[in-house]
Amino acid sequence: MTLVMFPVSAEINQEQFELGKQKAKVCMTCHGVDGISTQDPYPNLRGQKMGYLVSSLKDYQTRERTSGLAVLMQQQADTLSDQDIRDISYFYSNVGSESNSVSDSSANSNSKS
């Protein structure tokens, strides 16, 4: 397992948040529009620590995570660059904070009515 450390900052980088939101659209199918899954086997990603999310995606790429639905995540993680992983992880670690929520029309089109 790889340990990744990131500095803690109270300010949200809106540009990286928006990039992550765009890149995370494929993730939203299983993990929910706002990072809260509506399907049982899929974990919630909202509010997870960025380092944990980065490390988890890297572990899927290197096949260090193999249980459960790992094959699906390995396939998804294989398509991501290091920057994609950072952006998506940044988005999920910050979504739901006071200044950031997924409420625009493009994100809502992915949710169930």
PDB file of N, CA and C in Angstrom:
ATOM      1  N   MET A   1       0.844  -1.169   0.000  1.00  0.00           N
ATOM      2  CA  MET A   1       0.000   0.000   0.000  1.00  0.00           C
ATOM      3  C   MET A   1       0.893   1.237   0.000  1.00  0.00           C
ATOM      4  N   THR A   2       0.539   2.234  -0.764  1.00  0.00           N
ATOM      5  CA  THR A   2       1.302   3.463  -0.875  1.00  0.00           C
ATOM      6  C   THR A   2       0.708   4.519   0.043  1.00  0.00           C
ATOM      7  N   LEU A   3       1.565   5.191   0.814  1.00  0.00           N
ATOM      8  CA  LEU A   3       1.112   6.274   1.675  1.00  0.00           C
ATOM      9  C   LEU A   3       1.326   7.586   0.942  1.00  0.00           C
ATOM     10  N   VAL A   4       0.255   8.359   0.807  1.00  0.00           N
ATOM     11  CA  VAL A   4       0.330   9.642   0.131  1.00  0.00           C
ATOM     12  C   VAL A   4      -0.113  10.712   1.113  1.00  0.00           C
ATOM     13  N   MET A   5       0.690  11.763   1.268  1.00  0.00           N
ATOM     14  CA  MET A   5       0.369  12.833   2.206  1.00  0.00           C
ATOM     15  C   MET A   5       0.087  14.114   1.423  1.00  0.00           C
ATOM     16  N   PHE A   6      -0.914  14.875   1.871  1.00  0.00           N
ATOM     17  CA  PHE A   6      -1.256  16.150   1.267  1.00  0.00           C
ATOM     18  C   PHE A   6      -1.421  17.180   2.362  1.00  0.00           C
ATOM     19  N   PRO A   7      -1.016  18.423   2.093  1.00  0.00           N
ATOM     20  CA  PRO A   7      -1.207  19.463   3.102  1.00  0.00           C
ATOM     21  C   PRO A   7      -2.690  19.747   3.303  1.00  0.00           C
ATOM     22  N   VAL A   8      -3.066  20.111   4.515  1.00  0.00           N
ATOM     23  CA  VAL A   8      -4.447  20.449   4.829  1.00  0.00           C
ATOM     24  C   VAL A   8      -4.646  21.933   4.550  1.00  0.00           C
ATOM     25  N   SER A   9      -5.692  22.254   3.841  1.00  0.00           N
ATOM     26  CA  SER A   9      -5.971  23.644   3.509  1.00  0.00           C
ATOM     27  C   SER A   9      -7.451  23.913   3.695  1.00  0.00           C
ATOM     28  N   ALA A  10      -7.777  25.049   4.280  1.00  0.00           N
ATOM     29  CA  ALA A  10      -9.173  25.414   4.486  1.00  0.00           C
ATOM     30  C   ALA A  10      -9.799  25.957   3.204  1.00  0.00           C
ATOM     31  N   GLU A  11      -8.989  26.453   2.296  1.00  0.00           N
ATOM     32  CA  GLU A  11      -9.491  27.017   1.048  1.00  0.00           C
ATOM     33  C   GLU A  11      -9.653  25.933  -0.004  1.00  0.00           C
ATOM     34  N   ILE A  12     -10.741  26.019  -0.740  1.00  0.00           N
ATOM     35  CA  ILE A  12     -11.007  25.073  -1.814  1.00  0.00           C
ATOM     36  C   ILE A  12     -10.480  25.657  -3.121  1.00  0.00           C
ATOM     37  N   ASN A  13      -9.728  24.861  -3.862  1.00  0.00           N
ATOM     38  CA  ASN A  13      -9.270  25.257  -5.191  1.00  0.00           C
ATOM     39  C   ASN A  13     -10.419  24.963  -6.152  1.00  0.00           C
ATOM     40  N   GLN A  14     -11.168  25.996  -6.497  1.00  0.00           N
ATOM     41  CA  GLN A  14     -12.376  25.822  -7.297  1.00  0.00           C
ATOM     42  C   GLN A  14     -12.076  25.227  -8.670  1.00  0.00           C
ATOM     43  N   GLU A  15     -10.955  25.610  -9.270  1.00  0.00           N
ATOM     44  CA  GLU A  15     -10.600  25.083 -10.588  1.00  0.00           C
ATOM     45  C   GLU A  15     -10.370  23.576 -10.523  1.00  0.00           C
ATOM     46  N   GLN A  16      -9.612  23.115  -9.535  1.00  0.00           N
ATOM     47  CA  GLN A  16      -9.363  21.683  -9.405  1.00  0.00           C
ATOM     48  C   GLN A  16     -10.650  20.948  -9.036  1.00  0.00           C
ATOM     49  N   PHE A  17     -11.491  21.572  -8.210  1.00  0.00           N
ATOM     50  CA  PHE A  17     -12.774  20.977  -7.843  1.00  0.00           C
ATOM     51  C   PHE A  17     -13.623  20.742  -9.091  1.00  0.00           C
ATOM     52  N   GLU A  18     -13.717  21.753  -9.956  1.00  0.00           N
ATOM     53  CA  GLU A  18     -14.522  21.632 -11.175  1.00  0.00           C
ATOM     54  C   GLU A  18     -13.934  20.603 -12.139  1.00  0.00           C
ATOM     55  N   LEU A  19     -12.613  20.577 -12.265  1.00  0.00           N
ATOM     56  CA  LEU A  19     -11.967  19.557 -13.103  1.00  0.00           C
ATOM     57  C   LEU A  19     -12.289  18.163 -12.578  1.00  0.00           C
ATOM     58  N   GLY A  20     -12.168  18.003 -11.279  1.00  0.00           N
ATOM     59  CA  GLY A  20     -12.464  16.713 -10.663  1.00  0.00           C
ATOM     60  C   GLY A  20     -13.906  16.307 -10.860  1.00  0.00           C
ATOM     61  N   LYS A  21     -14.817  17.272 -10.758  1.00  0.00           N
ATOM     62  CA  LYS A  21     -16.241  16.983 -10.950  1.00  0.00           C
ATOM     63  C   LYS A  21     -16.493  16.480 -12.365  1.00  0.00           C
ATOM     64  N   GLN A  22     -15.876  17.109 -13.356  1.00  0.00           N
ATOM     65  CA  GLN A  22     -16.039  16.667 -14.740  1.00  0.00           C
ATOM     66  C   GLN A  22     -15.481  15.258 -14.940  1.00  0.00           C
ATOM     67  N   LYS A  23     -14.297  15.022 -14.389  1.00  0.00           N
ATOM     68  CA  LYS A  23     -13.650  13.716 -14.553  1.00  0.00           C
ATOM     69  C   LYS A  23     -14.369  12.623 -13.773  1.00  0.00           C
ATOM     70  N   ALA A  24     -15.094  12.992 -12.720  1.00  0.00           N
ATOM     71  CA  ALA A  24     -15.759  12.014 -11.855  1.00  0.00           C
ATOM     72  C   ALA A  24     -17.126  11.588 -12.373  1.00  0.00           C
ATOM     73  N   LYS A  25     -17.569  12.120 -13.495  1.00  0.00           N
ATOM     74  CA  LYS A  25     -18.915  11.776 -13.981  1.00  0.00           C
ATOM     75  C   LYS A  25     -19.104  10.275 -14.150  1.00  0.00           C
ATOM     76  N   VAL A  26     -18.093   9.581 -14.630  1.00  0.00           N
ATOM     77  CA  VAL A  26     -18.209   8.127 -14.779  1.00  0.00           C
ATOM     78  C   VAL A  26     -18.316   7.453 -13.406  1.00  0.00           C
ATOM     79  N   CYS A  27     -17.692   8.023 -12.395  1.00  0.00           N
ATOM     80  CA  CYS A  27     -17.736   7.474 -11.032  1.00  0.00           C
ATOM     81  C   CYS A  27     -19.136   7.602 -10.436  1.00  0.00           C
ATOM     82  N   MET A  28     -19.848   8.654 -10.857  1.00  0.00           N
ATOM     83  CA  MET A  28     -21.153   8.971 -10.276  1.00  0.00           C
ATOM     84  C   MET A  28     -22.197   7.904 -10.557  1.00  0.00           C
ATOM     85  N   THR A  29     -21.996   7.110 -11.585  1.00  0.00           N
ATOM     86  CA  THR A  29     -22.938   6.043 -11.909  1.00  0.00           C
ATOM     87  C   THR A  29     -23.103   5.091 -10.728  1.00  0.00           C
ATOM     88  N   CYS A  30     -22.007   4.746 -10.081  1.00  0.00           N
ATOM     89  CA  CYS A  30     -22.048   3.806  -8.956  1.00  0.00           C
ATOM     90  C   CYS A  30     -21.956   4.496  -7.593  1.00  0.00           C
ATOM     91  N   HIS A  31     -21.184   5.583  -7.525  1.00  0.00           N
ATOM     92  CA  HIS A  31     -20.904   6.217  -6.233  1.00  0.00           C
ATOM     93  C   HIS A  31     -21.797   7.415  -5.945  1.00  0.00           C
ATOM     94  N   GLY A  32     -22.753   7.710  -6.828  1.00  0.00           N
ATOM     95  CA  GLY A  32     -23.702   8.792  -6.602  1.00  0.00           C
ATOM     96  C   GLY A  32     -23.194  10.140  -7.070  1.00  0.00           C
ATOM     97  N   VAL A  33     -24.110  11.009  -7.438  1.00  0.00           N
ATOM     98  CA  VAL A  33     -23.784  12.333  -7.955  1.00  0.00           C
ATOM     99  C   VAL A  33     -22.990  13.139  -6.943  1.00  0.00           C
ATOM    100  N   ASP A  34     -23.347  13.022  -5.676  1.00  0.00           N
ATOM    101  CA  ASP A  34     -22.673  13.797  -4.641  1.00  0.00           C
ATOM    102  C   ASP A  34     -21.720  12.945  -3.809  1.00  0.00           C
ATOM    103  N   GLY A  35     -21.390  11.754  -4.317  1.00  0.00           N
ATOM    104  CA  GLY A  35     -20.465  10.875  -3.605  1.00  0.00           C
ATOM    105  C   GLY A  35     -21.130   9.987  -2.580  1.00  0.00           C
ATOM    106  N   ILE A  36     -22.454  10.027  -2.505  1.00  0.00           N
ATOM    107  CA  ILE A  36     -23.210   9.154  -1.609  1.00  0.00           C
ATOM    108  C   ILE A  36     -23.910   8.126  -2.485  1.00  0.00           C
ATOM    109  N   SER A  37     -23.464   6.889  -2.381  1.00  0.00           N
ATOM    110  CA  SER A  37     -23.976   5.822  -3.231  1.00  0.00           C
ATOM    111  C   SER A  37     -25.414   5.474  -2.876  1.00  0.00           C
ATOM    112  N   THR A  38     -26.199   5.190  -3.900  1.00  0.00           N
ATOM    113  CA  THR A  38     -27.565   4.725  -3.682  1.00  0.00           C
ATOM    114  C   THR A  38     -27.668   3.225  -3.934  1.00  0.00           C
ATOM    115  N   GLN A  39     -26.540   2.604  -4.268  1.00  0.00           N
ATOM    116  CA  GLN A  39     -26.503   1.173  -4.543  1.00  0.00           C
ATOM    117  C   GLN A  39     -25.621   0.495  -3.501  1.00  0.00           C
ATOM    118  N   ASP A  40     -26.124  -0.575  -2.932  1.00  0.00           N
ATOM    119  CA  ASP A  40     -25.492  -1.195  -1.772  1.00  0.00           C
ATOM    120  C   ASP A  40     -24.006  -1.536  -1.859  1.00  0.00           C
ATOM    121  N   PRO A  41     -23.512  -2.232  -2.847  1.00  0.00           N
ATOM    122  CA  PRO A  41     -22.104  -2.644  -2.715  1.00  0.00           C
ATOM    123  C   PRO A  41     -21.093  -1.522  -2.911  1.00  0.00           C
ATOM    124  N   TYR A  42     -21.549  -0.351  -3.361  1.00  0.00           N
ATOM    125  CA  TYR A  42     -20.619   0.728  -3.690  1.00  0.00           C
ATOM    126  C   TYR A  42     -20.454   1.682  -2.515  1.00  0.00           C
ATOM    127  N   PRO A  43     -19.215   1.952  -2.117  1.00  0.00           N
ATOM    128  CA  PRO A  43     -18.983   2.814  -0.948  1.00  0.00           C
ATOM    129  C   PRO A  43     -19.226   4.293  -1.254  1.00  0.00           C
ATOM    130  N   ASN A  44     -19.511   5.040  -0.198  1.00  0.00           N
ATOM    131  CA  ASN A  44     -19.616   6.493  -0.296  1.00  0.00           C
ATOM    132  C   ASN A  44     -18.218   7.076  -0.419  1.00  0.00           C
ATOM    133  N   LEU A  45     -18.059   8.053  -1.292  1.00  0.00           N
ATOM    134  CA  LEU A  45     -16.767   8.711  -1.482  1.00  0.00           C
ATOM    135  C   LEU A  45     -16.754  10.129  -0.919  1.00  0.00           C
ATOM    136  N   ARG A  46     -17.913  10.694  -0.739  1.00  0.00           N
ATOM    137  CA  ARG A  46     -18.029  12.072  -0.255  1.00  0.00           C
ATOM    138  C   ARG A  46     -17.319  12.252   1.081  1.00  0.00           C
ATOM    139  N   GLY A  47     -16.447  13.252   1.126  1.00  0.00           N
ATOM    140  CA  GLY A  47     -15.788  13.601   2.374  1.00  0.00           C
ATOM    141  C   GLY A  47     -14.630  12.707   2.779  1.00  0.00           C
ATOM    142  N   GLN A  48     -14.308  11.710   1.962  1.00  0.00           N
ATOM    143  CA  GLN A  48     -13.145  10.872   2.281  1.00  0.00           C
ATOM    144  C   GLN A  48     -11.883  11.720   2.152  1.00  0.00           C
ATOM    145  N   LYS A  49     -10.862  11.367   2.874  1.00  0.00           N
ATOM    146  CA  LYS A  49      -9.593  12.096   2.795  1.00  0.00           C
ATOM    147  C   LYS A  49      -8.971  11.891   1.413  1.00  0.00           C
ATOM    148  N   MET A  50      -8.418  12.966   0.879  1.00  0.00           N
ATOM    149  CA  MET A  50      -7.842  12.919  -0.461  1.00  0.00           C
ATOM    150  C   MET A  50      -6.753  11.861  -0.561  1.00  0.00           C
ATOM    151  N   GLY A  51      -5.877  11.793   0.413  1.00  0.00           N
ATOM    152  CA  GLY A  51      -4.794  10.813   0.390  1.00  0.00           C
ATOM    153  C   GLY A  51      -5.307   9.387   0.339  1.00  0.00           C
ATOM    154  N   TYR A  52      -6.396   9.116   1.060  1.00  0.00           N
ATOM    155  CA  TYR A  52      -6.999   7.783   1.048  1.00  0.00           C
ATOM    156  C   TYR A  52      -7.536   7.449  -0.344  1.00  0.00           C
ATOM    157  N   LEU A  53      -8.220   8.404  -0.973  1.00  0.00           N
ATOM    158  CA  LEU A  53      -8.780   8.159  -2.302  1.00  0.00           C
ATOM    159  C   LEU A  53      -7.685   7.955  -3.340  1.00  0.00           C
ATOM    160  N   VAL A  54      -6.645   8.788  -3.290  1.00  0.00           N
ATOM    161  CA  VAL A  54      -5.516   8.632  -4.215  1.00  0.00           C
ATOM    162  C   VAL A  54      -4.881   7.265  -4.026  1.00  0.00           C
ATOM    163  N   SER A  55      -4.601   6.927  -2.789  1.00  0.00           N
ATOM    164  CA  SER A  55      -3.965   5.647  -2.474  1.00  0.00           C
ATOM    165  C   SER A  55      -4.823   4.469  -2.941  1.00  0.00           C
ATOM    166  N   SER A  56      -6.122   4.563  -2.728  1.00  0.00           N
ATOM    167  CA  SER A  56      -7.028   3.484  -3.136  1.00  0.00           C
ATOM    168  C   SER A  56      -7.022   3.295  -4.648  1.00  0.00           C
ATOM    169  N   LEU A  57      -7.106   4.391  -5.391  1.00  0.00           N
ATOM    170  CA  LEU A  57      -7.094   4.278  -6.852  1.00  0.00           C
ATOM    171  C   LEU A  57      -5.767   3.735  -7.363  1.00  0.00           C
ATOM    172  N   LYS A  58      -4.684   4.158  -6.754  1.00  0.00           N
ATOM    173  CA  LYS A  58      -3.359   3.628  -7.131  1.00  0.00           C
ATOM    174  C   LYS A  58      -3.290   2.128  -6.825  1.00  0.00           C
ATOM    175  N   ASP A  59      -3.851   1.724  -5.687  1.00  0.00           N
ATOM    176  CA  ASP A  59      -3.859   0.303  -5.325  1.00  0.00           C
ATOM    177  C   ASP A  59      -4.679  -0.524  -6.314  1.00  0.00           C
ATOM    178  N   TYR A  60      -5.755   0.045  -6.849  1.00  0.00           N
ATOM    179  CA  TYR A  60      -6.507  -0.658  -7.896  1.00  0.00           C
ATOM    180  C   TYR A  60      -5.657  -0.787  -9.159  1.00  0.00           C
ATOM    181  N   GLN A  61      -4.930   0.264  -9.514  1.00  0.00           N
ATOM    182  CA  GLN A  61      -4.080   0.209 -10.710  1.00  0.00           C
ATOM    183  C   GLN A  61      -2.991  -0.851 -10.591  1.00  0.00           C
ATOM    184  N   THR A  62      -2.415  -1.000  -9.408  1.00  0.00           N
ATOM    185  CA  THR A  62      -1.317  -1.954  -9.213  1.00  0.00           C
ATOM    186  C   THR A  62      -1.805  -3.333  -8.783  1.00  0.00           C
ATOM    187  N   ARG A  63      -3.120  -3.495  -8.710  1.00  0.00           N
ATOM    188  CA  ARG A  63      -3.751  -4.768  -8.341  1.00  0.00           C
ATOM    189  C   ARG A  63      -3.483  -5.159  -6.883  1.00  0.00           C
ATOM    190  N   GLU A  64      -3.186  -4.185  -6.037  1.00  0.00           N
ATOM    191  CA  GLU A  64      -3.039  -4.467  -4.610  1.00  0.00           C
ATOM    192  C   GLU A  64      -4.393  -4.623  -3.936  1.00  0.00           C
ATOM    193  N   ARG A  65      -5.437  -4.086  -4.545  1.00  0.00           N
ATOM    194  CA  ARG A  65      -6.804  -4.285  -4.058  1.00  0.00           C
ATOM    195  C   ARG A  65      -7.456  -5.301  -4.984  1.00  0.00           C
ATOM    196  N   THR A  66      -7.920  -6.407  -4.400  1.00  0.00           N
ATOM    197  CA  THR A  66      -8.440  -7.490  -5.231  1.00  0.00           C
ATOM    198  C   THR A  66      -9.777  -8.052  -4.766  1.00  0.00           C
ATOM    199  N   SER A  67     -10.295  -7.617  -3.652  1.00  0.00           N
ATOM    200  CA  SER A  67     -11.523  -8.221  -3.135  1.00  0.00           C
ATOM    201  C   SER A  67     -12.771  -7.525  -3.672  1.00  0.00           C
ATOM    202  N   GLY A  68     -13.907  -8.162  -3.451  1.00  0.00           N
ATOM    203  CA  GLY A  68     -15.186  -7.568  -3.820  1.00  0.00           C
ATOM    204  C   GLY A  68     -15.297  -7.275  -5.301  1.00  0.00           C
ATOM    205  N   LEU A  69     -15.648  -6.055  -5.591  1.00  0.00           N
ATOM    206  CA  LEU A  69     -15.826  -5.620  -6.977  1.00  0.00           C
ATOM    207  C   LEU A  69     -14.560  -4.981  -7.539  1.00  0.00           C
ATOM    208  N   ALA A  70     -13.413  -5.425  -7.061  1.00  0.00           N
ATOM    209  CA  ALA A  70     -12.132  -4.822  -7.448  1.00  0.00           C
ATOM    210  C   ALA A  70     -11.891  -4.858  -8.950  1.00  0.00           C
ATOM    211  N   VAL A  71     -12.344  -5.894  -9.623  1.00  0.00           N
ATOM    212  CA  VAL A  71     -12.113  -5.990 -11.067  1.00  0.00           C
ATOM    213  C   VAL A  71     -12.728  -4.784 -11.785  1.00  0.00           C
ATOM    214  N   LEU A  72     -13.916  -4.380 -11.365  1.00  0.00           N
ATOM    215  CA  LEU A  72     -14.551  -3.205 -11.973  1.00  0.00           C
ATOM    216  C   LEU A  72     -13.736  -1.942 -11.716  1.00  0.00           C
ATOM    217  N   MET A  73     -13.276  -1.782 -10.483  1.00  0.00           N
ATOM    218  CA  MET A  73     -12.493  -0.591 -10.139  1.00  0.00           C
ATOM    219  C   MET A  73     -11.116  -0.619 -10.793  1.00  0.00           C
ATOM    220  N   GLN A  74     -10.536  -1.788 -10.933  1.00  0.00           N
ATOM    221  CA  GLN A  74      -9.239  -1.888 -11.612  1.00  0.00           C
ATOM    222  C   GLN A  74      -9.364  -1.391 -13.047  1.00  0.00           C
ATOM    223  N   GLN A  75     -10.434  -1.796 -13.720  1.00  0.00           N
ATOM    224  CA  GLN A  75     -10.657  -1.363 -15.104  1.00  0.00           C
ATOM    225  C   GLN A  75     -10.838   0.151 -15.179  1.00  0.00           C
ATOM    226  N   GLN A  76     -11.584   0.712 -14.237  1.00  0.00           N
ATOM    227  CA  GLN A  76     -11.791   2.164 -14.219  1.00  0.00           C
ATOM    228  C   GLN A  76     -10.490   2.893 -13.902  1.00  0.00           C
ATOM    229  N   ALA A  77      -9.772   2.422 -12.889  1.00  0.00           N
ATOM    230  CA  ALA A  77      -8.530   3.079 -12.461  1.00  0.00           C
ATOM    231  C   ALA A  77      -7.467   3.028 -13.555  1.00  0.00           C
ATOM    232  N   ASP A  78      -7.466   1.966 -14.332  1.00  0.00           N
ATOM    233  CA  ASP A  78      -6.470   1.826 -15.401  1.00  0.00           C
ATOM    234  C   ASP A  78      -6.573   2.934 -16.447  1.00  0.00           C
ATOM    235  N   THR A  79      -7.733   3.547 -16.570  1.00  0.00           N
ATOM    236  CA  THR A  79      -7.921   4.599 -17.571  1.00  0.00           C
ATOM    237  C   THR A  79      -7.493   5.979 -17.066  1.00  0.00           C
ATOM    238  N   LEU A  80      -7.129   6.078 -15.787  1.00  0.00           N
ATOM    239  CA  LEU A  80      -6.841   7.377 -15.170  1.00  0.00           C
ATOM    240  C   LEU A  80      -5.353   7.694 -15.131  1.00  0.00           C
ATOM    241  N   SER A  81      -5.030   8.934 -15.441  1.00  0.00           N
ATOM    242  CA  SER A  81      -3.659   9.425 -15.260  1.00  0.00           C
ATOM    243  C   SER A  81      -3.475   9.807 -13.788  1.00  0.00           C
ATOM    244  N   ASP A  82      -2.249  10.066 -13.392  1.00  0.00           N
ATOM    245  CA  ASP A  82      -1.995  10.522 -12.026  1.00  0.00           C
ATOM    246  C   ASP A  82      -2.746  11.818 -11.745  1.00  0.00           C
ATOM    247  N   GLN A  83      -2.794  12.710 -12.730  1.00  0.00           N
ATOM    248  CA  GLN A  83      -3.513  13.979 -12.535  1.00  0.00           C
ATOM    249  C   GLN A  83      -5.010  13.745 -12.420  1.00  0.00           C
ATOM    250  N   ASP A  84      -5.564  12.825 -13.218  1.00  0.00           N
ATOM    251  CA  ASP A  84      -6.982  12.480 -13.104  1.00  0.00           C
ATOM    252  C   ASP A  84      -7.286  11.994 -11.694  1.00  0.00           C
ATOM    253  N   ILE A  85      -6.437  11.132 -11.174  1.00  0.00           N
ATOM    254  CA  ILE A  85      -6.631  10.584  -9.829  1.00  0.00           C
ATOM    255  C   ILE A  85      -6.620  11.701  -8.797  1.00  0.00           C
ATOM    256  N   ARG A  86      -5.687  12.629  -8.915  1.00  0.00           N
ATOM    257  CA  ARG A  86      -5.630  13.749  -7.966  1.00  0.00           C
ATOM    258  C   ARG A  86      -6.880  14.623  -8.075  1.00  0.00           C
ATOM    259  N   ASP A  87      -7.310  14.908  -9.298  1.00  0.00           N
ATOM    260  CA  ASP A  87      -8.477  15.775  -9.489  1.00  0.00           C
ATOM    261  C   ASP A  87      -9.759  15.123  -8.967  1.00  0.00           C
ATOM    262  N   ILE A  88      -9.975  13.871  -9.296  1.00  0.00           N
ATOM    263  CA  ILE A  88     -11.167  13.159  -8.829  1.00  0.00           C
ATOM    264  C   ILE A  88     -11.150  13.039  -7.310  1.00  0.00           C
ATOM    265  N   SER A  89     -10.008  12.715  -6.759  1.00  0.00           N
ATOM    266  CA  SER A  89      -9.885  12.596  -5.303  1.00  0.00           C
ATOM    267  C   SER A  89     -10.127  13.936  -4.625  1.00  0.00           C
ATOM    268  N   TYR A  90      -9.642  15.004  -5.228  1.00  0.00           N
ATOM    269  CA  TYR A  90      -9.858  16.346  -4.679  1.00  0.00           C
ATOM    270  C   TYR A  90     -11.349  16.666  -4.669  1.00  0.00           C
ATOM    271  N   PHE A  91     -12.014  16.361  -5.766  1.00  0.00           N
ATOM    272  CA  PHE A  91     -13.454  16.607  -5.857  1.00  0.00           C
ATOM    273  C   PHE A  91     -14.201  15.880  -4.740  1.00  0.00           C
ATOM    274  N   TYR A  92     -14.000  14.567  -4.628  1.00  0.00           N
ATOM    275  CA  TYR A  92     -14.753  13.805  -3.634  1.00  0.00           C
ATOM    276  C   TYR A  92     -14.377  14.170  -2.200  1.00  0.00           C
ATOM    277  N   SER A  93     -13.153  14.587  -1.976  1.00  0.00           N
ATOM    278  CA  SER A  93     -12.770  14.965  -0.613  1.00  0.00           C
ATOM    279  C   SER A  93     -13.361  16.317  -0.217  1.00  0.00           C
ATOM    280  N   ASN A  94     -13.798  17.104  -1.196  1.00  0.00           N
ATOM    281  CA  ASN A  94     -14.341  18.431  -0.903  1.00  0.00           C
ATOM    282  C   ASN A  94     -15.820  18.603  -1.216  1.00  0.00           C
ATOM    283  N   VAL A  95     -16.418  17.680  -1.949  1.00  0.00           N
ATOM    284  CA  VAL A  95     -17.834  17.828  -2.286  1.00  0.00           C
ATOM    285  C   VAL A  95     -18.658  17.802  -0.996  1.00  0.00           C
ATOM    286  N   GLY A  96     -19.634  18.696  -0.945  1.00  0.00           N
ATOM    287  CA  GLY A  96     -20.475  18.765   0.239  1.00  0.00           C
ATOM    288  C   GLY A  96     -19.996  19.762   1.272  1.00  0.00           C
ATOM    289  N   SER A  97     -18.806  20.327   1.067  1.00  0.00           N
ATOM    290  CA  SER A  97     -18.364  21.366   1.990  1.00  0.00           C
ATOM    291  C   SER A  97     -19.257  22.582   1.778  1.00  0.00           C
ATOM    292  N   GLU A  98     -19.219  23.520   2.696  1.00  0.00           N
ATOM    293  CA  GLU A  98     -20.126  24.671   2.627  1.00  0.00           C
ATOM    294  C   GLU A  98     -20.073  25.398   1.295  1.00  0.00           C
ATOM    295  N   SER A  99     -18.883  25.532   0.714  1.00  0.00           N
ATOM    296  CA  SER A  99     -18.761  26.317  -0.514  1.00  0.00           C
ATOM    297  C   SER A  99     -18.867  25.487  -1.784  1.00  0.00           C
ATOM    298  N   ASN A 100     -18.956  24.175  -1.664  1.00  0.00           N
ATOM    299  CA  ASN A 100     -19.005  23.325  -2.853  1.00  0.00           C
ATOM    300  C   ASN A 100     -20.074  22.261  -2.716  1.00  0.00           C
ATOM    301  N   SER A 101     -20.926  22.190  -3.700  1.00  0.00           N
ATOM    302  CA  SER A 101     -21.885  21.104  -3.763  1.00  0.00           C
ATOM    303  C   SER A 101     -22.140  20.801  -5.226  1.00  0.00           C
ATOM    304  N   VAL A 102     -22.640  19.627  -5.476  1.00  0.00           N
ATOM    305  CA  VAL A 102     -22.946  19.240  -6.848  1.00  0.00           C
ATOM    306  C   VAL A 102     -24.411  19.562  -7.053  1.00  0.00           C
ATOM    307  N   SER A 103     -24.668  20.768  -7.542  1.00  0.00           N
ATOM    308  CA  SER A 103     -26.059  21.160  -7.709  1.00  0.00           C
ATOM    309  C   SER A 103     -26.351  21.743  -9.082  1.00  0.00           C
ATOM    310  N   ASP A 104     -25.344  21.752  -9.963  1.00  0.00           N
ATOM    311  CA  ASP A 104     -25.627  22.303 -11.282  1.00  0.00           C
ATOM    312  C   ASP A 104     -26.433  21.315 -12.107  1.00  0.00           C
ATOM    313  N   SER A 105     -26.993  21.786 -13.192  1.00  0.00           N
ATOM    314  CA  SER A 105     -27.895  20.953 -13.990  1.00  0.00           C
ATOM    315  C   SER A 105     -27.203  19.759 -14.615  1.00  0.00           C
ATOM    316  N   SER A 106     -25.913  19.867 -14.957  1.00  0.00           N
ATOM    317  CA  SER A 106     -25.229  18.734 -15.576  1.00  0.00           C
ATOM    318  C   SER A 106     -25.063  17.594 -14.594  1.00  0.00           C
ATOM    319  N   ALA A 107     -24.804  17.904 -13.340  1.00  0.00           N
ATOM    320  CA  ALA A 107     -24.659  16.847 -12.343  1.00  0.00           C
ATOM    321  C   ALA A 107     -26.011  16.258 -12.001  1.00  0.00           C
ATOM    322  N   ASN A 108     -27.038  17.102 -11.913  1.00  0.00           N
ATOM    323  CA  ASN A 108     -28.355  16.608 -11.557  1.00  0.00           C
ATOM    324  C   ASN A 108     -28.941  15.716 -12.632  1.00  0.00           C
ATOM    325  N   SER A 109     -28.501  15.853 -13.860  1.00  0.00           N
ATOM    326  CA  SER A 109     -29.014  14.993 -14.918  1.00  0.00           C
ATOM    327  C   SER A 109     -28.568  13.555 -14.734  1.00  0.00           C
ATOM    328  N   ASN A 110     -27.537  13.329 -13.903  1.00  0.00           N
ATOM    329  CA  ASN A 110     -27.067  11.974 -13.644  1.00  0.00           C
ATOM    330  C   ASN A 110     -27.765  11.323 -12.463  1.00  0.00           C
ATOM    331  N   SER A 111     -28.619  12.048 -11.750  1.00  0.00           N
ATOM    332  CA  SER A 111     -29.243  11.493 -10.552  1.00  0.00           C
ATOM    333  C   SER A 111     -30.619  10.943 -10.873  1.00  0.00           C
ATOM    334  N   LYS A 112     -31.106  10.098  -9.966  1.00  0.00           N
ATOM    335  CA  LYS A 112     -32.437   9.530 -10.131  1.00  0.00           C
ATOM    336  C   LYS A 112     -33.475  10.542  -9.674  1.00  0.00           C
ATOM    337  N   SER A 113     -34.618  10.560 -10.317  1.00  0.00           N
ATOM    338  CA  SER A 113     -35.689  11.478  -9.926  1.00  0.00           C
ATOM    339  C   SER A 113     -36.614  10.807  -8.962  1.00  0.00           C
TER     340      SER A 113
END
